[in-house]
């Protein structure tokens, strides 16, 4: 067993590598550019929604008020007529990119701490690069990717977006495993 304090360097390096890789994936590579489409008549749709002053949050339409209402003929008629939508509303104004990037980096650190914890429990000092890489990559992949399919299963996110993000998680997992294998204490 290896204490977390002995793994601070691989934790930090793997978080930085994932942060850089994700930046390159989203800013340089083109495969995520097609993830989200435009709503037809975007300006008119935005103006119509603006009238309601919807607070930032996640909404569903139609939204039943109770389990009983969900089985009612009126609710079923709304669903049949459509549209059925999930809507995420953000605060108006420019994107808070600094905050989002900061939170993303904290998330990469959290994943790396869990990778260190599990790998440190499983292996001792002087473990082979291959053993460290295998465990650390697997745990990191789980942290970055395995929760994503539920958004396609339950919330209608296109599988193409989910699979691209799972692929990103594989890259992040491999980078994390590589950093841990390289910097594993002797």
Foldseek 3Di string as FASTA:
>chain_A
DDDLVLCPQLLLQLLVVLLVLVCCCVPPNCLCVPQDDADVVNVVVVVVVVVVVDDFDKDWPPDAPDPVSCPDPVVVVRVVVDDTAIDGDDDDDDDPVVVVSVVSSVLSSVLSSVLCVVLPVVDDAPDALVSQLVSQLVSQLCSQAPVQCVCCVPVVRDVSNNVVSSVSSSVSSNSSSNSCSVSGHD
